[in-house]
Amino acid sequence: MARSSTRPTSRDVAQAAGVSQAAVSLVLGDKWRGRVSEATAERVREAARDLGYRPNLAARNLRLGSTRTVLLVVPALTTEFFAGVYTGAARVAADHGFGVVLYPSPEGIGPAPDPFASSQAALDGVIASSMAADALTAIRGDQLPLVMLDSDPDGSLGAATVNLDIADGVRQVAEHLLGLGHRRFLHLAAGIASWTFEVRARELDARTAQVPGASVRTVHAPISIEGALAATEA
Protein backbone atom coordinates (compact mmCIF):
# COMPACT_ATOMS: atom_id res chain seq x y z
CA MET A 1 0.00 0.00 0.00
CA ALA A 2 1.48 3.38 -1.05
CA ARG A 3 2.05 5.90 1.69
CA SER A 4 0.76 9.45 1.38
CA SER A 5 3.14 12.40 1.64
CA THR A 6 0.92 13.87 4.35
CA ARG A 7 0.68 12.45 7.83
CA PRO A 8 -1.97 9.68 7.89
CA THR A 9 -4.93 10.09 10.21
CA SER A 10 -7.16 7.66 12.07
CA ARG A 11 -9.75 8.28 9.33
CA ASP A 12 -7.25 6.97 6.75
CA VAL A 13 -6.66 3.87 8.88
CA ALA A 14 -10.39 3.30 9.25
CA GLN A 15 -10.92 3.60 5.50
CA ALA A 16 -8.04 1.25 4.70
CA ALA A 17 -9.25 -1.34 7.23
CA GLY A 18 -12.91 -0.98 6.30
CA VAL A 19 -14.00 -0.09 9.84
CA SER A 20 -15.22 2.93 11.76
CA GLN A 21 -12.93 5.49 13.40
CA ALA A 22 -14.35 4.36 16.72
CA ALA A 23 -13.04 0.85 16.04
CA VAL A 24 -9.61 2.26 15.18
CA SER A 25 -9.59 4.19 18.46
CA LEU A 26 -10.51 1.07 20.42
CA VAL A 27 -7.85 -1.10 18.78
CA LEU A 28 -4.97 1.37 18.90
CA GLY A 29 -5.94 2.32 22.44
CA ASP A 30 -5.84 -1.40 23.35
CA LYS A 31 -9.47 -1.33 24.49
CA TRP A 32 -10.89 -3.52 21.75
CA ARG A 33 -11.27 -6.83 23.58
CA GLY A 34 -14.92 -7.75 23.90
CA ARG A 35 -15.90 -4.94 21.52
CA VAL A 36 -14.42 -5.93 18.16
CA SER A 37 -13.16 -9.25 16.85
CA GLU A 38 -9.52 -10.35 16.84
CA ALA A 39 -9.62 -10.40 13.03
CA THR A 40 -10.84 -6.79 12.93
CA ALA A 41 -8.21 -5.70 15.45
CA GLU A 42 -5.45 -7.28 13.38
CA ARG A 43 -6.80 -5.62 10.22
CA VAL A 44 -6.67 -2.22 11.93
CA ARG A 45 -3.12 -2.81 13.21
CA GLU A 46 -1.98 -3.91 9.76
CA ALA A 47 -3.53 -0.84 8.12
CA ALA A 48 -1.85 1.42 10.67
CA ARG A 49 1.52 -0.23 10.02
CA ASP A 50 1.14 0.03 6.24
CA LEU A 51 0.17 3.68 6.41
CA GLY A 52 2.83 4.54 8.96
CA TYR A 53 0.16 5.92 11.26
CA ARG A 54 1.19 7.27 14.66
CA PRO A 55 -1.41 8.50 17.17
CA ASN A 56 -1.32 12.20 18.01
CA LEU A 57 -0.11 11.82 21.59
CA ALA A 58 -0.49 15.49 22.42
CA ALA A 59 -4.16 15.46 21.45
CA ARG A 60 -4.76 12.18 23.25
CA ASN A 61 -3.09 13.40 26.42
CA LEU A 62 -5.08 16.62 26.35
CA ARG A 63 -8.29 14.64 25.95
CA LEU A 64 -7.42 12.24 28.77
CA GLY A 65 -6.01 14.92 31.08
CA SER A 66 -2.78 12.91 31.32
CA THR A 67 0.75 13.45 30.03
CA ARG A 68 1.98 9.89 30.59
CA THR A 69 5.25 11.46 31.70
CA VAL A 70 7.15 10.65 34.90
CA LEU A 71 9.93 12.75 36.39
CA LEU A 72 13.00 10.94 37.72
CA VAL A 73 14.85 13.07 40.30
CA VAL A 74 18.35 11.86 41.11
CA PRO A 75 21.72 13.33 42.02
CA ALA A 76 23.86 14.34 39.06
CA LEU A 77 24.72 11.26 37.00
CA THR A 78 28.28 10.86 38.24
CA THR A 79 27.87 7.23 39.22
CA GLU A 80 27.00 4.09 37.29
CA PHE A 81 24.32 3.30 39.87
CA PHE A 82 22.06 6.21 38.94
CA ALA A 83 22.68 5.69 35.23
CA GLY A 84 21.33 2.18 35.79
CA VAL A 85 18.35 3.55 37.73
CA TYR A 86 17.46 5.76 34.78
CA THR A 87 17.89 2.97 32.23
CA GLY A 88 15.66 0.63 34.23
CA ALA A 89 12.98 3.27 34.82
CA ALA A 90 12.91 4.23 31.14
CA ARG A 91 12.63 0.61 30.02
CA VAL A 92 9.70 -0.23 32.31
CA ALA A 93 7.97 3.08 31.57
CA ALA A 94 8.20 2.45 27.82
CA ASP A 95 6.59 -0.97 28.29
CA HIS A 96 3.56 0.85 29.72
CA GLY A 97 3.43 3.74 27.27
CA PHE A 98 5.07 6.28 29.59
CA GLY A 99 8.06 8.54 29.07
CA VAL A 100 10.67 9.44 31.69
CA VAL A 101 12.16 12.90 32.05
CA LEU A 102 15.49 12.86 33.87
CA TYR A 103 16.08 15.72 36.31
CA PRO A 104 19.47 15.59 38.03
CA SER A 105 19.66 17.89 41.03
CA PRO A 106 22.62 20.28 40.53
CA GLU A 107 25.79 18.83 42.08
CA GLY A 108 23.57 16.13 43.60
CA ILE A 109 22.54 18.32 46.54
CA GLY A 110 20.37 21.28 47.39
CA PRO A 111 17.19 22.66 45.82
CA ALA A 112 16.83 23.16 42.10
CA PRO A 113 14.58 25.35 39.96
CA ASP A 114 11.23 24.04 38.79
CA PRO A 115 11.81 22.58 35.29
CA PHE A 116 8.13 23.07 34.44
CA ALA A 117 5.79 26.04 34.67
CA SER A 118 3.43 23.79 36.60
CA SER A 119 4.72 20.37 37.56
CA GLN A 120 1.29 19.06 38.46
CA ALA A 121 0.00 19.96 35.01
CA ALA A 122 3.03 18.59 33.17
CA LEU A 123 3.61 15.32 35.04
CA ASP A 124 1.74 12.22 36.08
CA GLY A 125 4.18 11.13 38.78
CA VAL A 126 7.64 11.43 40.32
CA ILE A 127 10.38 8.91 41.16
CA ALA A 128 12.96 10.49 43.45
CA SER A 129 16.12 9.53 45.27
CA SER A 130 16.37 10.64 48.87
CA MET A 131 19.76 12.11 47.94
CA ALA A 132 17.98 14.67 45.75
CA ALA A 133 14.91 15.07 47.92
CA ASP A 134 15.37 18.84 48.32
CA ALA A 135 14.53 19.22 44.65
CA LEU A 136 11.02 17.92 45.37
CA THR A 137 10.21 21.13 47.20
CA ALA A 138 11.04 23.29 44.20
CA ILE A 139 9.10 21.15 41.71
CA ARG A 140 6.25 20.44 44.16
CA GLY A 141 6.87 16.76 43.46
CA ASP A 142 5.53 15.73 46.84
CA GLN A 143 2.06 16.76 45.63
CA LEU A 144 2.11 14.17 42.83
CA PRO A 145 2.06 10.37 42.96
CA LEU A 146 5.50 9.72 44.41
CA VAL A 147 7.89 6.77 44.79
CA MET A 148 11.07 7.31 46.82
CA LEU A 149 14.32 5.43 46.21
CA ASP A 150 16.89 4.64 48.93
CA SER A 151 14.62 6.27 51.51
CA ASP A 152 13.55 5.54 55.06
CA PRO A 153 10.24 3.62 54.78
CA ASP A 154 9.15 5.09 58.12
CA GLY A 155 10.00 8.67 57.20
CA SER A 156 8.74 9.11 53.65
CA LEU A 157 5.45 10.80 54.58
CA GLY A 158 3.29 8.08 53.10
CA ALA A 159 5.13 7.80 49.78
CA ALA A 160 5.93 4.36 48.44
CA THR A 161 9.57 3.33 48.84
CA VAL A 162 11.82 0.96 46.89
CA ASN A 163 15.11 0.00 48.54
CA LEU A 164 17.95 -2.42 48.10
CA ASP A 165 18.73 -4.63 51.11
CA ILE A 166 21.46 -2.19 52.11
CA ALA A 167 22.17 -3.63 55.55
CA ASP A 168 22.68 -7.16 54.23
CA GLY A 169 24.93 -5.92 51.44
CA VAL A 170 27.23 -4.09 53.86
CA ARG A 171 27.20 -7.09 56.18
CA GLN A 172 28.35 -9.40 53.39
CA VAL A 173 31.13 -6.99 52.34
CA ALA A 174 32.38 -6.64 55.93
CA GLU A 175 32.30 -10.38 56.59
CA HIS A 176 34.21 -11.06 53.38
CA LEU A 177 36.99 -8.61 54.27
CA LEU A 178 37.12 -9.73 57.89
CA GLY A 179 37.33 -13.32 56.74
CA LEU A 180 40.42 -12.41 54.70
CA GLY A 181 42.03 -11.12 57.87
CA HIS A 182 41.62 -7.39 57.33
CA ARG A 183 41.04 -5.33 60.48
CA ARG A 184 41.53 -1.65 59.57
CA PHE A 185 38.82 -0.19 57.35
CA LEU A 186 38.49 3.14 55.59
CA HIS A 187 34.84 3.98 54.95
CA LEU A 188 34.41 6.52 52.16
CA ALA A 189 31.02 7.99 52.98
CA ALA A 190 29.21 10.30 50.58
CA GLY A 191 29.09 13.88 51.82
CA ILE A 192 25.29 13.94 51.60
CA ALA A 193 22.94 13.33 54.50
CA SER A 194 20.87 10.32 53.46
CA TRP A 195 19.13 7.42 55.14
CA THR A 196 20.80 4.90 52.87
CA PHE A 197 24.29 6.08 53.87
CA GLU A 198 23.36 6.07 57.55
CA VAL A 199 22.25 2.43 57.28
CA ARG A 200 25.53 1.48 55.62
CA ALA A 201 27.65 3.19 58.26
CA ARG A 202 25.62 1.71 61.13
CA GLU A 203 25.91 -1.84 59.78
CA LEU A 204 29.63 -1.53 59.14
CA ASP A 205 30.26 -0.25 62.67
CA ALA A 206 28.08 -2.97 64.18
CA ARG A 207 29.80 -5.78 62.28
CA THR A 208 33.39 -4.64 62.96
CA ALA A 209 32.59 -4.03 66.63
CA GLN A 210 32.10 -7.78 66.99
CA VAL A 211 35.69 -8.53 65.92
CA PRO A 212 38.59 -7.78 68.32
CA GLY A 213 41.11 -5.37 66.81
CA ALA A 214 38.85 -4.24 63.99
CA SER A 215 38.38 -0.50 63.46
CA VAL A 216 36.67 1.83 61.01
CA ARG A 217 37.81 5.29 59.97
CA THR A 218 35.16 7.33 58.14
CA VAL A 219 36.00 10.01 55.58
CA HIS A 220 33.30 12.00 53.80
CA ALA A 221 33.69 12.63 50.09
CA PRO A 222 31.68 14.05 47.17
CA ILE A 223 29.46 11.51 45.45
CA SER A 224 31.75 11.06 42.45
CA ILE A 225 34.65 8.80 41.49
CA GLU A 226 37.01 11.78 41.38
CA GLY A 227 35.94 12.91 44.84
CA ALA A 228 36.38 9.43 46.28
CA LEU A 229 39.87 9.11 44.78
CA ALA A 230 40.91 12.49 46.20
CA ALA A 231 39.58 11.58 49.68
CA THR A 232 41.39 8.23 49.60
CA GLU A 233 44.68 9.81 48.62
CA ALA A 234 44.32 12.46 51.31
C-alpha atoms as a PDB file:
ATOM      1  CA  MET A   1       0.000   0.000   0.000  1.00  0.00           C
ATOM      2  CA  ALA A   2       1.478   3.384  -1.049  1.00  0.00           C
ATOM      3  CA  ARG A   3       2.049   5.903   1.686  1.00  0.00           C
ATOM      4  CA  SER A   4       0.761   9.448   1.382  1.00  0.00           C
ATOM      5  CA  SER A   5       3.143  12.396   1.637  1.00  0.00           C
ATOM      6  CA  THR A   6       0.922  13.867   4.352  1.00  0.00           C
ATOM      7  CA  ARG A   7       0.677  12.451   7.826  1.00  0.00           C
ATOM      8  CA  PRO A   8      -1.966   9.683   7.886  1.00  0.00           C
ATOM      9  CA  THR A   9      -4.935  10.088  10.205  1.00  0.00           C
ATOM     10  CA  SER A  10      -7.163   7.665  12.067  1.00  0.00           C
ATOM     11  CA  ARG A  11      -9.752   8.277   9.334  1.00  0.00           C
ATOM     12  CA  ASP A  12      -7.253   6.973   6.752  1.00  0.00           C
ATOM     13  CA  VAL A  13      -6.664   3.871   8.883  1.00  0.00           C
ATOM     14  CA  ALA A  14     -10.392   3.296   9.253  1.00  0.00           C
ATOM     15  CA  GLN A  15     -10.922   3.601   5.504  1.00  0.00           C
ATOM     16  CA  ALA A  16      -8.041   1.245   4.703  1.00  0.00           C
ATOM     17  CA  ALA A  17      -9.251  -1.342   7.232  1.00  0.00           C
ATOM     18  CA  GLY A  18     -12.914  -0.982   6.302  1.00  0.00           C
ATOM     19  CA  VAL A  19     -13.996  -0.092   9.841  1.00  0.00           C
ATOM     20  CA  SER A  20     -15.221   2.928  11.759  1.00  0.00           C
ATOM     21  CA  GLN A  21     -12.927   5.492  13.398  1.00  0.00           C
ATOM     22  CA  ALA A  22     -14.347   4.359  16.721  1.00  0.00           C
ATOM     23  CA  ALA A  23     -13.039   0.849  16.038  1.00  0.00           C
ATOM     24  CA  VAL A  24      -9.615   2.261  15.175  1.00  0.00           C
ATOM     25  CA  SER A  25      -9.588   4.192  18.462  1.00  0.00           C
ATOM     26  CA  LEU A  26     -10.507   1.066  20.418  1.00  0.00           C
ATOM     27  CA  VAL A  27      -7.853  -1.098  18.775  1.00  0.00           C
ATOM     28  CA  LEU A  28      -4.972   1.374  18.899  1.00  0.00           C
ATOM     29  CA  GLY A  29      -5.943   2.319  22.438  1.00  0.00           C
ATOM     30  CA  ASP A  30      -5.835  -1.398  23.353  1.00  0.00           C
ATOM     31  CA  LYS A  31      -9.470  -1.332  24.488  1.00  0.00           C
ATOM     32  CA  TRP A  32     -10.890  -3.517  21.750  1.00  0.00           C
ATOM     33  CA  ARG A  33     -11.273  -6.829  23.583  1.00  0.00           C
ATOM     34  CA  GLY A  34     -14.918  -7.751  23.895  1.00  0.00           C
ATOM     35  CA  ARG A  35     -15.903  -4.936  21.521  1.00  0.00           C
ATOM     36  CA  VAL A  36     -14.416  -5.931  18.162  1.00  0.00           C
ATOM     37  CA  SER A  37     -13.157  -9.253  16.846  1.00  0.00           C
ATOM     38  CA  GLU A  38      -9.518 -10.352  16.843  1.00  0.00           C
ATOM     39  CA  ALA A  39      -9.618 -10.397  13.026  1.00  0.00           C
ATOM     40  CA  THR A  40     -10.840  -6.787  12.935  1.00  0.00           C
ATOM     41  CA  ALA A  41      -8.207  -5.705  15.452  1.00  0.00           C
ATOM     42  CA  GLU A  42      -5.452  -7.284  13.376  1.00  0.00           C
ATOM     43  CA  ARG A  43      -6.801  -5.616  10.219  1.00  0.00           C
ATOM     44  CA  VAL A  44      -6.669  -2.225  11.929  1.00  0.00           C
ATOM     45  CA  ARG A  45      -3.124  -2.810  13.210  1.00  0.00           C
ATOM     46  CA  GLU A  46      -1.982  -3.913   9.764  1.00  0.00           C
ATOM     47  CA  ALA A  47      -3.531  -0.845   8.123  1.00  0.00           C
ATOM     48  CA  ALA A  48      -1.847   1.417  10.672  1.00  0.00           C
ATOM     49  CA  ARG A  49       1.524  -0.228  10.017  1.00  0.00           C
ATOM     50  CA  ASP A  50       1.141   0.025   6.242  1.00  0.00           C
ATOM     51  CA  LEU A  51       0.173   3.680   6.409  1.00  0.00           C
ATOM     52  CA  GLY A  52       2.834   4.542   8.961  1.00  0.00           C
ATOM     53  CA  TYR A  53       0.156   5.921  11.261  1.00  0.00           C
ATOM     54  CA  ARG A  54       1.191   7.270  14.660  1.00  0.00           C
ATOM     55  CA  PRO A  55      -1.406   8.500  17.168  1.00  0.00           C
ATOM     56  CA  ASN A  56      -1.323  12.202  18.008  1.00  0.00           C
ATOM     57  CA  LEU A  57      -0.115  11.816  21.585  1.00  0.00           C
ATOM     58  CA  ALA A  58      -0.486  15.490  22.421  1.00  0.00           C
ATOM     59  CA  ALA A  59      -4.159  15.459  21.450  1.00  0.00           C
ATOM     60  CA  ARG A  60      -4.765  12.177  23.255  1.00  0.00           C
ATOM     61  CA  ASN A  61      -3.087  13.397  26.421  1.00  0.00           C
ATOM     62  CA  LEU A  62      -5.080  16.620  26.354  1.00  0.00           C
ATOM     63  CA  ARG A  63      -8.295  14.637  25.951  1.00  0.00           C
ATOM     64  CA  LEU A  64      -7.424  12.240  28.770  1.00  0.00           C
ATOM     65  CA  GLY A  65      -6.006  14.916  31.082  1.00  0.00           C
ATOM     66  CA  SER A  66      -2.785  12.909  31.320  1.00  0.00           C
ATOM     67  CA  THR A  67       0.747  13.445  30.025  1.00  0.00           C
ATOM     68  CA  ARG A  68       1.981   9.889  30.591  1.00  0.00           C
ATOM     69  CA  THR A  69       5.254  11.456  31.700  1.00  0.00           C
ATOM     70  CA  VAL A  70       7.146  10.651  34.895  1.00  0.00           C
ATOM     71  CA  LEU A  71       9.926  12.749  36.392  1.00  0.00           C
ATOM     72  CA  LEU A  72      13.005  10.936  37.723  1.00  0.00           C
ATOM     73  CA  VAL A  73      14.846  13.071  40.295  1.00  0.00           C
ATOM     74  CA  VAL A  74      18.353  11.856  41.110  1.00  0.00           C
ATOM     75  CA  PRO A  75      21.720  13.332  42.018  1.00  0.00           C
ATOM     76  CA  ALA A  76      23.861  14.338  39.059  1.00  0.00           C
ATOM     77  CA  LEU A  77      24.718  11.263  36.998  1.00  0.00           C
ATOM     78  CA  THR A  78      28.278  10.863  38.238  1.00  0.00           C
ATOM     79  CA  THR A  79      27.868   7.226  39.224  1.00  0.00           C
ATOM     80  CA  GLU A  80      27.005   4.089  37.287  1.00  0.00           C
ATOM     81  CA  PHE A  81      24.320   3.300  39.867  1.00  0.00           C
ATOM     82  CA  PHE A  82      22.061   6.214  38.937  1.00  0.00           C
ATOM     83  CA  ALA A  83      22.680   5.693  35.233  1.00  0.00           C
ATOM     84  CA  GLY A  84      21.328   2.177  35.789  1.00  0.00           C
ATOM     85  CA  VAL A  85      18.351   3.549  37.732  1.00  0.00           C
ATOM     86  CA  TYR A  86      17.460   5.765  34.783  1.00  0.00           C
ATOM     87  CA  THR A  87      17.892   2.966  32.234  1.00  0.00           C
ATOM     88  CA  GLY A  88      15.660   0.631  34.226  1.00  0.00           C
ATOM     89  CA  ALA A  89      12.977   3.268  34.825  1.00  0.00           C
ATOM     90  CA  ALA A  90      12.911   4.233  31.142  1.00  0.00           C
ATOM     91  CA  ARG A  91      12.628   0.611  30.023  1.00  0.00           C
ATOM     92  CA  VAL A  92       9.702  -0.233  32.306  1.00  0.00           C
ATOM     93  CA  ALA A  93       7.966   3.077  31.573  1.00  0.00           C
ATOM     94  CA  ALA A  94       8.200   2.448  27.822  1.00  0.00           C
ATOM     95  CA  ASP A  95       6.591  -0.967  28.295  1.00  0.00           C
ATOM     96  CA  HIS A  96       3.561   0.846  29.716  1.00  0.00           C
ATOM     97  CA  GLY A  97       3.430   3.738  27.274  1.00  0.00           C
ATOM     98  CA  PHE A  98       5.066   6.284  29.586  1.00  0.00           C
ATOM     99  CA  GLY A  99       8.058   8.537  29.068  1.00  0.00           C
ATOM    100  CA  VAL A 100      10.666   9.438  31.693  1.00  0.00           C
ATOM    101  CA  VAL A 101      12.158  12.903  32.054  1.00  0.00           C
ATOM    102  CA  LEU A 102      15.489  12.865  33.869  1.00  0.00           C
ATOM    103  CA  TYR A 103      16.077  15.716  36.310  1.00  0.00           C
ATOM    104  CA  PRO A 104      19.469  15.589  38.025  1.00  0.00           C
ATOM    105  CA  SER A 105      19.656  17.892  41.026  1.00  0.00           C
ATOM    106  CA  PRO A 106      22.621  20.280  40.527  1.00  0.00           C
ATOM    107  CA  GLU A 107      25.787  18.828  42.076  1.00  0.00           C
ATOM    108  CA  GLY A 108      23.574  16.131  43.602  1.00  0.00           C
ATOM    109  CA  ILE A 109      22.543  18.320  46.537  1.00  0.00           C
ATOM    110  CA  GLY A 110      20.374  21.278  47.386  1.00  0.00           C
ATOM    111  CA  PRO A 111      17.193  22.656  45.825  1.00  0.00           C
ATOM    112  CA  ALA A 112      16.829  23.156  42.103  1.00  0.00           C
ATOM    113  CA  PRO A 113      14.579  25.352  39.958  1.00  0.00           C
ATOM    114  CA  ASP A 114      11.228  24.038  38.790  1.00  0.00           C
ATOM    115  CA  PRO A 115      11.811  22.582  35.288  1.00  0.00           C
ATOM    116  CA  PHE A 116       8.131  23.071  34.442  1.00  0.00           C
ATOM    117  CA  ALA A 117       5.789  26.041  34.669  1.00  0.00           C
ATOM    118  CA  SER A 118       3.430  23.786  36.595  1.00  0.00           C
ATOM    119  CA  SER A 119       4.723  20.368  37.562  1.00  0.00           C
ATOM    120  CA  GLN A 120       1.293  19.056  38.462  1.00  0.00           C
ATOM    121  CA  ALA A 121      -0.004  19.960  35.013  1.00  0.00           C
ATOM    122  CA  ALA A 122       3.032  18.592  33.169  1.00  0.00           C
ATOM    123  CA  LEU A 123       3.610  15.317  35.038  1.00  0.00           C
ATOM    124  CA  ASP A 124       1.744  12.221  36.077  1.00  0.00           C
ATOM    125  CA  GLY A 125       4.184  11.134  38.782  1.00  0.00           C
ATOM    126  CA  VAL A 126       7.640  11.428  40.316  1.00  0.00           C
ATOM    127  CA  ILE A 127      10.378   8.913  41.165  1.00  0.00           C
ATOM    128  CA  ALA A 128      12.955  10.488  43.453  1.00  0.00           C
ATOM    129  CA  SER A 129      16.118   9.528  45.270  1.00  0.00           C
ATOM    130  CA  SER A 130      16.367  10.639  48.869  1.00  0.00           C
ATOM    131  CA  MET A 131      19.764  12.105  47.940  1.00  0.00           C
ATOM    132  CA  ALA A 132      17.985  14.671  45.749  1.00  0.00           C
ATOM    133  CA  ALA A 133      14.912  15.067  47.916  1.00  0.00           C
ATOM    134  CA  ASP A 134      15.366  18.838  48.320  1.00  0.00           C
ATOM    135  CA  ALA A 135      14.525  19.219  44.647  1.00  0.00           C
ATOM    136  CA  LEU A 136      11.020  17.917  45.372  1.00  0.00           C
ATOM    137  CA  THR A 137      10.215  21.132  47.203  1.00  0.00           C
ATOM    138  CA  ALA A 138      11.045  23.291  44.197  1.00  0.00           C
ATOM    139  CA  ILE A 139       9.101  21.147  41.713  1.00  0.00           C
ATOM    140  CA  ARG A 140       6.251  20.439  44.155  1.00  0.00           C
ATOM    141  CA  GLY A 141       6.875  16.763  43.464  1.00  0.00           C
ATOM    142  CA  ASP A 142       5.525  15.729  46.843  1.00  0.00           C
ATOM    143  CA  GLN A 143       2.057  16.762  45.627  1.00  0.00           C
ATOM    144  CA  LEU A 144       2.107  14.174  42.831  1.00  0.00           C
ATOM    145  CA  PRO A 145       2.058  10.367  42.960  1.00  0.00           C
ATOM    146  CA  LEU A 146       5.503   9.716  44.414  1.00  0.00           C
ATOM    147  CA  VAL A 147       7.890   6.771  44.792  1.00  0.00           C
ATOM    148  CA  MET A 148      11.068   7.312  46.824  1.00  0.00           C
ATOM    149  CA  LEU A 149      14.315   5.429  46.207  1.00  0.00           C
ATOM    150  CA  ASP A 150      16.893   4.642  48.928  1.00  0.00           C
ATOM    151  CA  SER A 151      14.618   6.266  51.508  1.00  0.00           C
ATOM    152  CA  ASP A 152      13.545   5.543  55.062  1.00  0.00           C
ATOM    153  CA  PRO A 153      10.245   3.620  54.782  1.00  0.00           C
ATOM    154  CA  ASP A 154       9.148   5.094  58.124  1.00  0.00           C
ATOM    155  CA  GLY A 155       9.995   8.674  57.198  1.00  0.00           C
ATOM    156  CA  SER A 156       8.741   9.109  53.648  1.00  0.00           C
ATOM    157  CA  LEU A 157       5.450  10.796  54.576  1.00  0.00           C
ATOM    158  CA  GLY A 158       3.288   8.077  53.105  1.00  0.00           C
ATOM    159  CA  ALA A 159       5.131   7.804  49.781  1.00  0.00           C
ATOM    160  CA  ALA A 160       5.930   4.358  48.445  1.00  0.00           C
ATOM    161  CA  THR A 161       9.574   3.333  48.843  1.00  0.00           C
ATOM    162  CA  VAL A 162      11.817   0.959  46.893  1.00  0.00           C
ATOM    163  CA  ASN A 163      15.111  -0.004  48.542  1.00  0.00           C
ATOM    164  CA  LEU A 164      17.953  -2.424  48.102  1.00  0.00           C
ATOM    165  CA  ASP A 165      18.732  -4.625  51.110  1.00  0.00           C
ATOM    166  CA  ILE A 166      21.463  -2.194  52.112  1.00  0.00           C
ATOM    167  CA  ALA A 167      22.170  -3.632  55.546  1.00  0.00           C
ATOM    168  CA  ASP A 168      22.675  -7.158  54.235  1.00  0.00           C
ATOM    169  CA  GLY A 169      24.931  -5.921  51.437  1.00  0.00           C
ATOM    170  CA  VAL A 170      27.226  -4.093  53.856  1.00  0.00           C
ATOM    171  CA  ARG A 171      27.196  -7.092  56.178  1.00  0.00           C
ATOM    172  CA  GLN A 172      28.352  -9.399  53.385  1.00  0.00           C
ATOM    173  CA  VAL A 173      31.134  -6.994  52.340  1.00  0.00           C
ATOM    174  CA  ALA A 174      32.382  -6.644  55.930  1.00  0.00           C
ATOM    175  CA  GLU A 175      32.297 -10.375  56.593  1.00  0.00           C
ATOM    176  CA  HIS A 176      34.208 -11.064  53.385  1.00  0.00           C
ATOM    177  CA  LEU A 177      36.990  -8.613  54.270  1.00  0.00           C
ATOM    178  CA  LEU A 178      37.120  -9.725  57.892  1.00  0.00           C
ATOM    179  CA  GLY A 179      37.332 -13.321  56.735  1.00  0.00           C
ATOM    180  CA  LEU A 180      40.424 -12.407  54.702  1.00  0.00           C
ATOM    181  CA  GLY A 181      42.029 -11.120  57.875  1.00  0.00           C
ATOM    182  CA  HIS A 182      41.619  -7.394  57.334  1.00  0.00           C
ATOM    183  CA  ARG A 183      41.040  -5.333  60.480  1.00  0.00           C
ATOM    184  CA  ARG A 184      41.532  -1.654  59.573  1.00  0.00           C
ATOM    185  CA  PHE A 185      38.821  -0.195  57.351  1.00  0.00           C
ATOM    186  CA  LEU A 186      38.492   3.144  55.594  1.00  0.00           C
ATOM    187  CA  HIS A 187      34.839   3.975  54.954  1.00  0.00           C
ATOM    188  CA  LEU A 188      34.409   6.517  52.155  1.00  0.00           C
ATOM    189  CA  ALA A 189      31.019   7.985  52.983  1.00  0.00           C
ATOM    190  CA  ALA A 190      29.212  10.304  50.582  1.00  0.00           C
ATOM    191  CA  GLY A 191      29.094  13.884  51.823  1.00  0.00           C
ATOM    192  CA  ILE A 192      25.292  13.939  51.596  1.00  0.00           C
ATOM    193  CA  ALA A 193      22.944  13.328  54.498  1.00  0.00           C
ATOM    194  CA  SER A 194      20.870  10.320  53.464  1.00  0.00           C
ATOM    195  CA  TRP A 195      19.126   7.418  55.144  1.00  0.00           C
ATOM    196  CA  THR A 196      20.804   4.898  52.866  1.00  0.00           C
ATOM    197  CA  PHE A 197      24.291   6.078  53.871  1.00  0.00           C
ATOM    198  CA  GLU A 198      23.356   6.071  57.546  1.00  0.00           C
ATOM    199  CA  VAL A 199      22.253   2.432  57.280  1.00  0.00           C
ATOM    200  CA  ARG A 200      25.534   1.480  55.618  1.00  0.00           C
ATOM    201  CA  ALA A 201      27.653   3.190  58.263  1.00  0.00           C
ATOM    202  CA  ARG A 202      25.623   1.710  61.126  1.00  0.00           C
ATOM    203  CA  GLU A 203      25.912  -1.837  59.781  1.00  0.00           C
ATOM    204  CA  LEU A 204      29.630  -1.526  59.142  1.00  0.00           C
ATOM    205  CA  ASP A 205      30.263  -0.249  62.669  1.00  0.00           C
ATOM    206  CA  ALA A 206      28.083  -2.971  64.184  1.00  0.00           C
ATOM    207  CA  ARG A 207      29.801  -5.776  62.276  1.00  0.00           C
ATOM    208  CA  THR A 208      33.386  -4.642  62.955  1.00  0.00           C
ATOM    209  CA  ALA A 209      32.594  -4.029  66.628  1.00  0.00           C
ATOM    210  CA  GLN A 210      32.099  -7.784  66.991  1.00  0.00           C
ATOM    211  CA  VAL A 211      35.688  -8.534  65.925  1.00  0.00           C
ATOM    212  CA  PRO A 212      38.592  -7.782  68.317  1.00  0.00           C
ATOM    213  CA  GLY A 213      41.107  -5.374  66.811  1.00  0.00           C
ATOM    214  CA  ALA A 214      38.845  -4.242  63.988  1.00  0.00           C
ATOM    215  CA  SER A 215      38.378  -0.500  63.458  1.00  0.00           C
ATOM    216  CA  VAL A 216      36.666   1.831  61.012  1.00  0.00           C
ATOM    217  CA  ARG A 217      37.808   5.290  59.968  1.00  0.00           C
ATOM    218  CA  THR A 218      35.157   7.329  58.143  1.00  0.00           C
ATOM    219  CA  VAL A 219      36.004  10.011  55.576  1.00  0.00           C
ATOM    220  CA  HIS A 220      33.301  12.003  53.804  1.00  0.00           C
ATOM    221  CA  ALA A 221      33.688  12.628  50.087  1.00  0.00           C
ATOM    222  CA  PRO A 222      31.682  14.054  47.166  1.00  0.00           C
ATOM    223  CA  ILE A 223      29.459  11.510  45.451  1.00  0.00           C
ATOM    224  CA  SER A 224      31.753  11.060  42.453  1.00  0.00           C
ATOM    225  CA  ILE A 225      34.645   8.804  41.492  1.00  0.00           C
ATOM    226  CA  GLU A 226      37.014  11.778  41.381  1.00  0.00           C
ATOM    227  CA  GLY A 227      35.936  12.907  44.844  1.00  0.00           C
ATOM    228  CA  ALA A 228      36.381   9.433  46.276  1.00  0.00           C
ATOM    229  CA  LEU A 229      39.872   9.114  44.784  1.00  0.00           C
ATOM    230  CA  ALA A 230      40.906  12.489  46.199  1.00  0.00           C
ATOM    231  CA  ALA A 231      39.581  11.579  49.675  1.00  0.00           C
ATOM    232  CA  THR A 232      41.387   8.230  49.597  1.00  0.00           C
ATOM    233  CA  GLU A 233      44.680   9.808  48.618  1.00  0.00           C
ATOM    234  CA  ALA A 234      44.321  12.463  51.312  1.00  0.00           C
END
